[in-house]
C-alpha cells in the first residue's frame, strides 16, 4: 500500500471507495492508517484498546464513505471520526451519561455533540495529569457519585481532608482545562 502521488489520485480512490470498491478503500486508508493509529495512541494507552478503536474508526469511515462531501480534506474528516471514536471509547469505559443528555436535549446539533466529545477528551487529559490518588478521588466523587462522607469512609481520612483535597483537585483541573 504505497502513498498516493497527489490529491487527484486520492479523489479517484474516494469516489471508488464510496461506490463500494474494497481495493480502493484499502489503498486510500493505507495512506492514513499511521496517522489514525498515532492519533489514537495520544489518547489511549492500552494496545488492545488502540487496535479496537482503529477497527471501529475504519468501519465508521467505510460506512460513511458515501456521505463524505469533500467540504474538508479527507484526512480531516477521518480524524474527526477518529476523535469521536476515542470519545465513544471513554464514554463506554467510564460510563459517561452523555447519551441520556442527548436524548433529553434533542435540539442539540451534530456540532454541539462533537464539541461535547472534544470536551470529554480535554477532561480526560486533565484527569490524566493528576496523581493516582487524585484520580481515585475524582472517580469516587464524579463517576461513583459518592458523598464526601462516603469517600472519607472508603479512603479512611477525615471528611475535611477529602473536602480540602477535592478543592485542590478542582483548582488543578480548572488550570489544566484553561490551558487547553
N, C-alpha and C. Protein backbone atom coordinates (compact mmCIF):
# COMPACT_ATOMS: atom_id res chain seq x y z
N UNK A 1 0.83 -1.18 0.00
CA UNK A 1 0.00 0.00 0.00
C UNK A 1 0.87 1.25 0.00
N UNK A 2 1.19 1.73 -1.17
CA UNK A 2 2.06 2.90 -1.26
C UNK A 2 1.29 4.18 -1.06
N UNK A 3 2.06 5.26 -0.93
CA UNK A 3 1.45 6.57 -0.75
C UNK A 3 0.86 7.05 -2.07
N UNK A 4 -0.18 7.81 -1.98
CA UNK A 4 -0.81 8.36 -3.18
C UNK A 4 0.06 9.49 -3.72
N UNK A 5 0.12 9.61 -5.06
CA UNK A 5 1.01 10.60 -5.65
C UNK A 5 0.46 12.02 -5.55
N UNK A 6 -0.84 12.20 -5.60
CA UNK A 6 -1.40 13.54 -5.46
C UNK A 6 -2.87 13.46 -5.05
N UNK A 7 -3.45 14.63 -4.86
CA UNK A 7 -4.84 14.68 -4.39
C UNK A 7 -5.81 14.16 -5.45
N UNK A 8 -5.41 14.23 -6.74
CA UNK A 8 -6.27 13.69 -7.80
C UNK A 8 -6.44 12.18 -7.63
N UNK A 9 -5.33 11.49 -7.35
CA UNK A 9 -5.41 10.05 -7.11
C UNK A 9 -6.29 9.76 -5.90
N UNK A 10 -6.15 10.56 -4.86
CA UNK A 10 -6.96 10.36 -3.67
C UNK A 10 -8.43 10.55 -3.98
N UNK A 11 -8.77 11.57 -4.74
CA UNK A 11 -10.19 11.81 -5.04
C UNK A 11 -10.77 10.67 -5.88
N UNK A 12 -9.96 10.07 -6.75
CA UNK A 12 -10.42 8.92 -7.53
C UNK A 12 -10.68 7.74 -6.59
N UNK A 13 -9.76 7.49 -5.67
CA UNK A 13 -9.94 6.40 -4.70
C UNK A 13 -11.16 6.65 -3.81
N UNK A 14 -11.36 7.89 -3.40
CA UNK A 14 -12.52 8.23 -2.57
C UNK A 14 -13.79 7.90 -3.34
N UNK A 15 -13.84 8.30 -4.58
CA UNK A 15 -15.02 8.04 -5.41
C UNK A 15 -15.27 6.54 -5.56
N UNK A 16 -14.22 5.79 -5.84
CA UNK A 16 -14.36 4.34 -6.00
C UNK A 16 -14.77 3.68 -4.68
N UNK A 17 -14.14 4.11 -3.57
CA UNK A 17 -14.46 3.52 -2.26
C UNK A 17 -15.90 3.82 -1.87
N UNK A 18 -16.37 5.01 -2.22
CA UNK A 18 -17.76 5.38 -1.92
C UNK A 18 -18.75 4.50 -2.67
N UNK A 19 -18.30 3.94 -3.78
CA UNK A 19 -19.14 3.04 -4.57
C UNK A 19 -18.99 1.58 -4.14
N UNK A 20 -18.19 1.35 -3.09
CA UNK A 20 -18.06 0.00 -2.56
C UNK A 20 -16.82 -0.76 -3.00
N UNK A 21 -15.86 -0.10 -3.62
CA UNK A 21 -14.64 -0.76 -4.09
C UNK A 21 -13.70 -1.00 -2.90
N UNK A 22 -13.58 -2.25 -2.47
CA UNK A 22 -12.75 -2.59 -1.31
C UNK A 22 -11.27 -2.28 -1.54
N UNK A 23 -10.77 -2.58 -2.73
CA UNK A 23 -9.35 -2.32 -3.01
C UNK A 23 -9.04 -0.83 -2.94
N UNK A 24 -9.91 -0.01 -3.49
CA UNK A 24 -9.72 1.44 -3.44
C UNK A 24 -9.72 1.92 -1.98
N UNK A 25 -10.63 1.36 -1.19
CA UNK A 25 -10.70 1.74 0.21
C UNK A 25 -9.41 1.37 0.94
N UNK A 26 -8.91 0.16 0.69
CA UNK A 26 -7.67 -0.28 1.35
C UNK A 26 -6.49 0.61 0.96
N UNK A 27 -6.38 0.95 -0.32
CA UNK A 27 -5.31 1.85 -0.76
C UNK A 27 -5.44 3.23 -0.11
N UNK A 28 -6.64 3.72 -0.11
CA UNK A 28 -6.92 5.04 0.47
C UNK A 28 -6.57 5.06 1.96
N UNK A 29 -7.04 4.08 2.68
CA UNK A 29 -6.81 4.06 4.12
C UNK A 29 -5.37 3.74 4.47
N UNK A 30 -4.69 3.03 3.59
CA UNK A 30 -3.28 2.73 3.83
C UNK A 30 -2.44 3.99 3.98
N UNK A 31 -2.85 5.04 3.30
CA UNK A 31 -2.10 6.30 3.39
C UNK A 31 -2.41 7.07 4.67
N UNK A 32 -3.49 6.72 5.34
CA UNK A 32 -3.92 7.46 6.53
C UNK A 32 -3.82 6.64 7.82
N UNK A 33 -3.58 5.36 7.70
CA UNK A 33 -3.63 4.47 8.85
C UNK A 33 -2.63 4.85 9.94
N UNK A 34 -1.42 5.20 9.56
CA UNK A 34 -0.40 5.55 10.55
C UNK A 34 -0.81 6.79 11.36
N UNK A 35 -1.38 7.77 10.68
CA UNK A 35 -1.83 8.99 11.36
C UNK A 35 -2.97 8.66 12.33
N UNK A 36 -3.91 7.85 11.87
CA UNK A 36 -5.03 7.44 12.72
C UNK A 36 -4.51 6.72 13.96
N UNK A 37 -3.63 5.75 13.73
CA UNK A 37 -3.07 4.95 14.83
C UNK A 37 -2.35 5.84 15.84
N UNK A 38 -1.48 6.70 15.35
CA UNK A 38 -0.72 7.57 16.26
C UNK A 38 -1.61 8.55 17.00
N UNK A 39 -2.64 9.04 16.33
CA UNK A 39 -3.58 9.96 16.98
C UNK A 39 -4.30 9.26 18.13
N UNK A 40 -4.72 8.04 17.90
CA UNK A 40 -5.38 7.27 18.96
C UNK A 40 -4.41 7.01 20.10
N UNK A 41 -3.16 6.69 19.77
CA UNK A 41 -2.15 6.42 20.81
C UNK A 41 -1.91 7.63 21.71
N UNK A 42 -2.15 8.83 21.19
CA UNK A 42 -2.01 10.04 22.02
C UNK A 42 -3.03 10.05 23.16
N UNK A 43 -4.17 9.41 22.93
CA UNK A 43 -5.27 9.49 23.88
C UNK A 43 -5.57 8.20 24.63
N UNK A 44 -5.08 7.08 24.12
CA UNK A 44 -5.40 5.77 24.70
C UNK A 44 -4.11 5.00 24.89
N UNK A 45 -3.95 4.38 26.05
CA UNK A 45 -2.67 3.72 26.32
C UNK A 45 -2.66 2.23 26.02
N UNK A 46 -3.74 1.53 26.20
CA UNK A 46 -3.74 0.09 26.01
C UNK A 46 -3.71 -0.31 24.55
N UNK A 47 -2.76 -1.17 24.17
CA UNK A 47 -2.60 -1.58 22.77
C UNK A 47 -3.87 -2.21 22.21
N UNK A 48 -4.52 -3.06 22.99
CA UNK A 48 -5.76 -3.70 22.52
C UNK A 48 -6.86 -2.66 22.32
N UNK A 49 -6.93 -1.69 23.24
CA UNK A 49 -7.92 -0.62 23.10
C UNK A 49 -7.64 0.20 21.84
N UNK A 50 -6.37 0.50 21.60
CA UNK A 50 -5.99 1.26 20.41
C UNK A 50 -6.42 0.51 19.16
N UNK A 51 -6.12 -0.79 19.11
CA UNK A 51 -6.50 -1.60 17.94
C UNK A 51 -8.01 -1.63 17.75
N UNK A 52 -8.75 -1.74 18.86
CA UNK A 52 -10.22 -1.74 18.77
C UNK A 52 -10.73 -0.43 18.19
N UNK A 53 -10.16 0.68 18.64
CA UNK A 53 -10.61 1.99 18.17
C UNK A 53 -10.22 2.18 16.70
N UNK A 54 -9.04 1.70 16.31
CA UNK A 54 -8.66 1.76 14.90
C UNK A 54 -9.69 1.01 14.07
N UNK A 55 -10.05 -0.19 14.53
CA UNK A 55 -11.02 -1.01 13.80
C UNK A 55 -12.38 -0.31 13.72
N UNK A 56 -12.84 0.26 14.84
CA UNK A 56 -14.11 0.97 14.85
C UNK A 56 -14.07 2.18 13.92
N UNK A 57 -12.93 2.87 13.91
CA UNK A 57 -12.77 4.03 13.03
C UNK A 57 -12.85 3.61 11.57
N UNK A 58 -12.12 2.55 11.23
CA UNK A 58 -12.13 2.07 9.85
C UNK A 58 -13.54 1.68 9.41
N UNK A 59 -14.25 1.01 10.28
CA UNK A 59 -15.62 0.61 9.97
C UNK A 59 -16.52 1.83 9.77
N UNK A 60 -16.35 2.82 10.64
CA UNK A 60 -17.15 4.05 10.54
C UNK A 60 -16.82 4.80 9.25
N UNK A 61 -15.54 4.84 8.89
CA UNK A 61 -15.16 5.52 7.65
C UNK A 61 -15.77 4.77 6.46
N UNK A 62 -15.64 3.44 6.46
CA UNK A 62 -16.21 2.63 5.37
C UNK A 62 -17.72 2.86 5.26
N UNK A 63 -18.38 2.84 6.41
CA UNK A 63 -19.84 3.03 6.42
C UNK A 63 -20.24 4.43 5.97
N UNK A 64 -19.38 5.40 6.23
CA UNK A 64 -19.72 6.78 5.93
C UNK A 64 -19.15 7.31 4.62
N UNK A 65 -18.47 6.48 3.87
CA UNK A 65 -17.83 6.94 2.63
C UNK A 65 -18.80 7.67 1.70
N UNK A 66 -20.01 7.18 1.59
CA UNK A 66 -20.98 7.81 0.69
C UNK A 66 -21.36 9.21 1.16
N UNK A 67 -21.20 9.46 2.45
CA UNK A 67 -21.60 10.76 2.98
C UNK A 67 -20.46 11.78 2.98
N UNK A 68 -19.24 11.36 2.62
CA UNK A 68 -18.14 12.32 2.55
C UNK A 68 -18.42 13.30 1.43
N UNK A 69 -18.53 14.57 1.80
CA UNK A 69 -18.94 15.59 0.84
C UNK A 69 -17.78 16.36 0.22
N UNK A 70 -16.59 16.22 0.80
CA UNK A 70 -15.45 16.96 0.27
C UNK A 70 -15.35 18.38 0.77
N UNK A 71 -16.19 18.75 1.75
CA UNK A 71 -16.13 20.12 2.30
C UNK A 71 -14.86 20.34 3.10
N UNK A 72 -14.26 19.25 3.55
CA UNK A 72 -12.98 19.32 4.25
C UNK A 72 -12.04 18.32 3.59
N UNK A 73 -10.78 18.37 3.98
CA UNK A 73 -9.83 17.38 3.47
C UNK A 73 -10.25 16.01 3.99
N UNK A 74 -9.98 14.99 3.23
CA UNK A 74 -10.36 13.64 3.62
C UNK A 74 -9.73 13.27 4.96
N UNK A 75 -8.46 13.62 5.14
CA UNK A 75 -7.76 13.31 6.41
C UNK A 75 -8.45 14.01 7.57
N UNK A 76 -8.88 15.24 7.38
CA UNK A 76 -9.59 15.97 8.43
C UNK A 76 -10.88 15.25 8.80
N UNK A 77 -11.59 14.80 7.79
CA UNK A 77 -12.84 14.06 8.00
C UNK A 77 -12.57 12.78 8.79
N UNK A 78 -11.54 12.06 8.39
CA UNK A 78 -11.18 10.80 9.07
C UNK A 78 -10.79 11.06 10.52
N UNK A 79 -10.00 12.10 10.76
CA UNK A 79 -9.58 12.38 12.14
C UNK A 79 -10.76 12.84 13.00
N UNK A 80 -11.74 13.49 12.39
CA UNK A 80 -12.96 13.83 13.13
C UNK A 80 -13.68 12.57 13.58
N UNK A 81 -13.77 11.60 12.68
CA UNK A 81 -14.38 10.32 13.03
C UNK A 81 -13.57 9.63 14.12
N UNK A 82 -12.25 9.65 13.97
CA UNK A 82 -11.36 9.03 14.95
C UNK A 82 -11.56 9.65 16.33
N UNK A 83 -11.63 10.97 16.36
CA UNK A 83 -11.82 11.67 17.63
C UNK A 83 -13.14 11.26 18.30
N UNK A 84 -14.18 11.12 17.50
CA UNK A 84 -15.46 10.68 18.06
C UNK A 84 -15.39 9.25 18.57
N UNK A 85 -14.63 8.40 17.88
CA UNK A 85 -14.48 7.01 18.34
C UNK A 85 -13.70 6.95 19.64
N UNK A 86 -12.73 7.82 19.81
CA UNK A 86 -12.00 7.90 21.08
C UNK A 86 -12.94 8.34 22.19
N UNK A 87 -13.76 9.34 21.90
CA UNK A 87 -14.74 9.80 22.88
C UNK A 87 -15.73 8.70 23.24
N UNK A 88 -16.18 7.96 22.22
CA UNK A 88 -17.08 6.83 22.47
C UNK A 88 -16.43 5.82 23.40
N UNK A 89 -15.15 5.55 23.16
CA UNK A 89 -14.41 4.60 23.99
C UNK A 89 -14.42 5.04 25.45
N UNK A 90 -14.10 6.31 25.71
CA UNK A 90 -14.07 6.78 27.09
C UNK A 90 -15.46 6.86 27.70
N UNK A 91 -16.45 7.18 26.89
CA UNK A 91 -17.81 7.19 27.40
C UNK A 91 -18.21 5.79 27.86
N UNK A 92 -17.89 4.80 27.04
CA UNK A 92 -18.20 3.41 27.43
C UNK A 92 -17.37 2.99 28.63
N UNK A 93 -16.10 3.30 28.60
CA UNK A 93 -15.20 2.86 29.66
C UNK A 93 -15.55 3.47 31.00
N UNK A 94 -15.86 4.74 31.01
CA UNK A 94 -16.14 5.43 32.27
C UNK A 94 -17.61 5.71 32.45
N UNK A 95 -18.42 5.15 31.58
CA UNK A 95 -19.86 5.22 31.67
C UNK A 95 -20.36 6.65 31.82
N UNK A 96 -19.80 7.54 30.99
CA UNK A 96 -20.31 8.90 30.95
C UNK A 96 -21.75 8.82 30.47
N UNK A 97 -22.59 9.62 31.03
CA UNK A 97 -24.01 9.55 30.70
C UNK A 97 -24.41 10.60 29.68
N UNK A 98 -23.54 10.90 28.73
CA UNK A 98 -23.86 11.93 27.75
C UNK A 98 -24.99 11.49 26.82
N UNK A 99 -25.18 10.19 26.63
CA UNK A 99 -26.24 9.72 25.74
C UNK A 99 -27.60 10.17 26.26
N UNK A 100 -27.82 10.05 27.56
CA UNK A 100 -29.10 10.47 28.11
C UNK A 100 -29.29 11.98 27.99
N UNK A 101 -28.20 12.72 28.06
CA UNK A 101 -28.29 14.17 27.88
C UNK A 101 -28.76 14.45 26.46
N UNK A 102 -28.22 13.73 25.47
CA UNK A 102 -28.62 13.94 24.09
C UNK A 102 -30.08 13.59 23.88
N UNK A 103 -30.54 12.55 24.55
CA UNK A 103 -31.94 12.16 24.40
C UNK A 103 -32.86 13.22 24.99
N UNK A 104 -32.46 13.82 26.11
CA UNK A 104 -33.28 14.84 26.76
C UNK A 104 -33.26 16.14 25.97
N UNK A 105 -32.12 16.44 25.32
CA UNK A 105 -32.00 17.68 24.59
C UNK A 105 -31.85 17.37 23.10
N UNK A 106 -32.95 16.99 22.49
CA UNK A 106 -32.93 16.59 21.08
C UNK A 106 -32.56 17.75 20.17
N UNK A 107 -32.58 18.97 20.69
CA UNK A 107 -32.28 20.13 19.87
C UNK A 107 -30.78 20.31 19.63
N UNK A 108 -29.94 19.51 20.29
CA UNK A 108 -28.50 19.65 20.08
C UNK A 108 -28.15 19.27 18.64
N UNK A 109 -27.27 20.05 18.04
CA UNK A 109 -26.84 19.75 16.68
C UNK A 109 -25.67 18.79 16.72
N UNK A 110 -25.29 18.27 15.57
CA UNK A 110 -24.13 17.37 15.47
C UNK A 110 -22.87 18.11 15.93
N UNK A 111 -22.75 19.41 15.61
CA UNK A 111 -21.59 20.17 16.05
C UNK A 111 -21.54 20.27 17.57
N UNK A 112 -22.69 20.45 18.22
CA UNK A 112 -22.74 20.50 19.67
C UNK A 112 -22.26 19.18 20.25
N UNK A 113 -22.70 18.08 19.66
CA UNK A 113 -22.29 16.76 20.15
C UNK A 113 -20.80 16.56 19.96
N UNK A 114 -20.27 17.01 18.82
CA UNK A 114 -18.84 16.89 18.57
C UNK A 114 -18.07 17.71 19.59
N UNK A 115 -18.53 18.94 19.86
CA UNK A 115 -17.88 19.78 20.86
C UNK A 115 -17.90 19.12 22.23
N UNK A 116 -19.01 18.46 22.58
CA UNK A 116 -19.09 17.74 23.84
C UNK A 116 -18.07 16.61 23.88
N UNK A 117 -17.89 15.92 22.77
CA UNK A 117 -16.91 14.84 22.70
C UNK A 117 -15.50 15.38 22.87
N UNK A 118 -15.22 16.50 22.22
CA UNK A 118 -13.91 17.13 22.35
C UNK A 118 -13.68 17.53 23.80
N UNK A 119 -14.71 18.11 24.42
CA UNK A 119 -14.59 18.50 25.83
C UNK A 119 -14.34 17.29 26.71
N UNK A 120 -14.97 16.16 26.41
CA UNK A 120 -14.74 14.94 27.18
C UNK A 120 -13.29 14.50 27.07
N UNK A 121 -12.72 14.63 25.88
CA UNK A 121 -11.30 14.29 25.69
C UNK A 121 -10.43 15.24 26.49
N UNK A 122 -10.75 16.54 26.48
CA UNK A 122 -9.99 17.52 27.25
C UNK A 122 -10.05 17.21 28.74
N UNK A 123 -11.24 16.84 29.23
CA UNK A 123 -11.40 16.50 30.64
C UNK A 123 -10.58 15.26 30.96
N UNK A 124 -10.61 14.27 30.09
CA UNK A 124 -9.83 13.05 30.31
C UNK A 124 -8.35 13.38 30.39
N UNK A 125 -7.89 14.25 29.53
CA UNK A 125 -6.49 14.67 29.54
C UNK A 125 -6.15 15.38 30.86
N UNK A 126 -7.06 16.24 31.32
CA UNK A 126 -6.84 16.95 32.58
C UNK A 126 -6.79 15.97 33.74
N UNK A 127 -7.68 14.99 33.75
CA UNK A 127 -7.70 13.99 34.82
C UNK A 127 -6.43 13.15 34.79
N UNK A 128 -5.95 12.83 33.58
CA UNK A 128 -4.73 12.03 33.45
C UNK A 128 -3.52 12.75 34.02
N UNK A 129 -3.58 14.08 34.11
CA UNK A 129 -2.46 14.84 34.65
C UNK A 129 -2.39 14.77 36.18
N UNK A 130 -3.44 14.24 36.80
CA UNK A 130 -3.49 14.13 38.26
C UNK A 130 -2.74 12.89 38.74
N UNK A 131 -2.38 12.89 40.01
CA UNK A 131 -1.76 11.70 40.60
C UNK A 131 -2.82 10.60 40.71
N UNK A 132 -2.37 9.38 40.94
CA UNK A 132 -3.33 8.26 41.02
C UNK A 132 -4.29 8.44 42.19
N UNK A 133 -3.82 9.00 43.30
CA UNK A 133 -4.71 9.24 44.45
C UNK A 133 -5.77 10.29 44.10
N UNK A 134 -5.35 11.33 43.37
CA UNK A 134 -6.29 12.36 42.96
C UNK A 134 -7.30 11.81 41.96
N UNK A 135 -6.84 10.97 41.05
CA UNK A 135 -7.74 10.36 40.07
C UNK A 135 -8.77 9.48 40.78
N UNK A 136 -8.34 8.80 41.83
CA UNK A 136 -9.26 7.97 42.60
C UNK A 136 -10.36 8.83 43.22
N UNK A 137 -9.98 9.96 43.80
CA UNK A 137 -10.97 10.86 44.40
C UNK A 137 -11.96 11.37 43.35
N UNK A 138 -11.44 11.74 42.20
CA UNK A 138 -12.32 12.21 41.11
C UNK A 138 -13.29 11.12 40.72
N UNK A 139 -12.78 9.91 40.58
CA UNK A 139 -13.65 8.79 40.21
C UNK A 139 -14.73 8.58 41.26
N UNK A 140 -14.34 8.54 42.53
CA UNK A 140 -15.31 8.29 43.60
C UNK A 140 -16.36 9.40 43.68
N UNK A 141 -15.94 10.63 43.47
CA UNK A 141 -16.87 11.75 43.59
C UNK A 141 -17.79 11.88 42.37
N UNK A 142 -17.23 11.74 41.18
CA UNK A 142 -17.99 12.04 39.98
C UNK A 142 -18.54 10.81 39.26
N UNK A 143 -17.77 9.76 39.18
CA UNK A 143 -18.26 8.56 38.50
C UNK A 143 -19.11 7.70 39.42
N UNK A 144 -18.59 7.46 40.62
CA UNK A 144 -19.35 6.64 41.58
C UNK A 144 -20.41 7.47 42.30
N UNK A 145 -20.32 8.81 42.18
CA UNK A 145 -21.28 9.74 42.78
C UNK A 145 -21.44 9.53 44.29
N UNK A 146 -20.30 9.39 44.96
CA UNK A 146 -20.32 9.24 46.41
C UNK A 146 -20.25 10.61 47.07
N UNK A 147 -20.76 10.68 48.28
CA UNK A 147 -20.65 11.91 49.07
C UNK A 147 -19.23 11.98 49.64
N UNK A 148 -18.86 13.16 50.10
CA UNK A 148 -17.54 13.29 50.72
C UNK A 148 -17.43 12.40 51.95
N UNK A 149 -18.52 12.25 52.68
CA UNK A 149 -18.51 11.37 53.85
C UNK A 149 -18.26 9.92 53.43
N UNK A 150 -18.91 9.48 52.37
CA UNK A 150 -18.71 8.11 51.89
C UNK A 150 -17.28 7.91 51.39
N UNK A 151 -16.74 8.91 50.72
CA UNK A 151 -15.35 8.83 50.26
C UNK A 151 -14.42 8.77 51.46
N UNK A 152 -14.72 9.58 52.47
CA UNK A 152 -13.94 9.58 53.70
C UNK A 152 -13.90 8.20 54.33
N UNK A 153 -15.04 7.54 54.36
CA UNK A 153 -15.11 6.19 54.92
C UNK A 153 -14.28 5.20 54.11
N UNK A 154 -14.29 5.34 52.80
CA UNK A 154 -13.58 4.41 51.94
C UNK A 154 -12.07 4.58 52.05
N UNK A 155 -11.59 5.82 51.95
CA UNK A 155 -10.14 6.03 51.95
C UNK A 155 -9.57 6.28 53.34
N UNK A 156 -10.45 6.28 54.32
CA UNK A 156 -10.08 6.38 55.73
C UNK A 156 -9.26 7.62 56.07
N UNK A 157 -9.79 8.76 55.66
CA UNK A 157 -9.26 10.06 56.07
C UNK A 157 -10.44 10.91 56.50
N UNK A 158 -10.21 11.93 57.32
CA UNK A 158 -11.33 12.78 57.77
C UNK A 158 -12.02 13.45 56.58
N UNK A 159 -13.31 13.70 56.74
CA UNK A 159 -14.11 14.31 55.68
C UNK A 159 -13.56 15.68 55.31
N UNK A 160 -13.02 16.40 56.26
CA UNK A 160 -12.41 17.71 55.98
C UNK A 160 -11.22 17.58 55.04
N UNK A 161 -10.46 16.50 55.18
CA UNK A 161 -9.32 16.24 54.29
C UNK A 161 -9.80 15.95 52.88
N UNK A 162 -10.90 15.19 52.77
CA UNK A 162 -11.47 14.90 51.46
C UNK A 162 -11.90 16.20 50.79
N UNK A 163 -12.58 17.07 51.55
CA UNK A 163 -13.04 18.35 51.00
C UNK A 163 -11.85 19.20 50.54
N UNK A 164 -10.82 19.24 51.34
CA UNK A 164 -9.63 20.02 51.01
C UNK A 164 -8.95 19.48 49.75
N UNK A 165 -8.81 18.16 49.70
CA UNK A 165 -8.17 17.54 48.52
C UNK A 165 -9.01 17.79 47.26
N UNK A 166 -10.31 17.66 47.39
CA UNK A 166 -11.18 17.89 46.23
C UNK A 166 -11.10 19.34 45.77
N UNK A 167 -11.01 20.27 46.71
CA UNK A 167 -10.86 21.68 46.34
C UNK A 167 -9.58 21.87 45.54
N UNK A 168 -8.48 21.27 46.01
CA UNK A 168 -7.20 21.39 45.31
C UNK A 168 -7.24 20.73 43.93
N UNK A 169 -7.90 19.58 43.84
CA UNK A 169 -8.04 18.87 42.57
C UNK A 169 -8.82 19.72 41.58
N UNK A 170 -9.93 20.28 42.03
CA UNK A 170 -10.74 21.12 41.14
C UNK A 170 -9.94 22.31 40.63
N UNK A 171 -9.11 22.88 41.49
CA UNK A 171 -8.25 24.00 41.07
C UNK A 171 -7.26 23.55 40.00
N UNK A 172 -6.65 22.38 40.21
CA UNK A 172 -5.71 21.83 39.22
C UNK A 172 -6.41 21.58 37.89
N UNK A 173 -7.58 20.97 37.96
CA UNK A 173 -8.32 20.66 36.74
C UNK A 173 -8.71 21.94 36.01
N UNK A 174 -9.16 22.93 36.75
CA UNK A 174 -9.56 24.21 36.16
C UNK A 174 -8.37 24.83 35.41
N UNK A 175 -7.18 24.84 36.05
CA UNK A 175 -5.99 25.41 35.43
C UNK A 175 -5.62 24.64 34.17
N UNK A 176 -5.68 23.32 34.26
CA UNK A 176 -5.33 22.48 33.10
C UNK A 176 -6.28 22.71 31.94
N UNK A 177 -7.57 22.79 32.24
CA UNK A 177 -8.57 23.00 31.19
C UNK A 177 -8.47 24.40 30.58
N UNK A 178 -8.09 25.37 31.38
CA UNK A 178 -7.92 26.72 30.84
C UNK A 178 -6.77 26.76 29.85
N UNK A 179 -5.72 25.96 30.09
CA UNK A 179 -4.60 25.87 29.15
C UNK A 179 -5.04 25.27 27.84
N UNK A 180 -5.95 24.26 27.91
CA UNK A 180 -6.41 23.57 26.71
C UNK A 180 -7.16 24.55 25.85
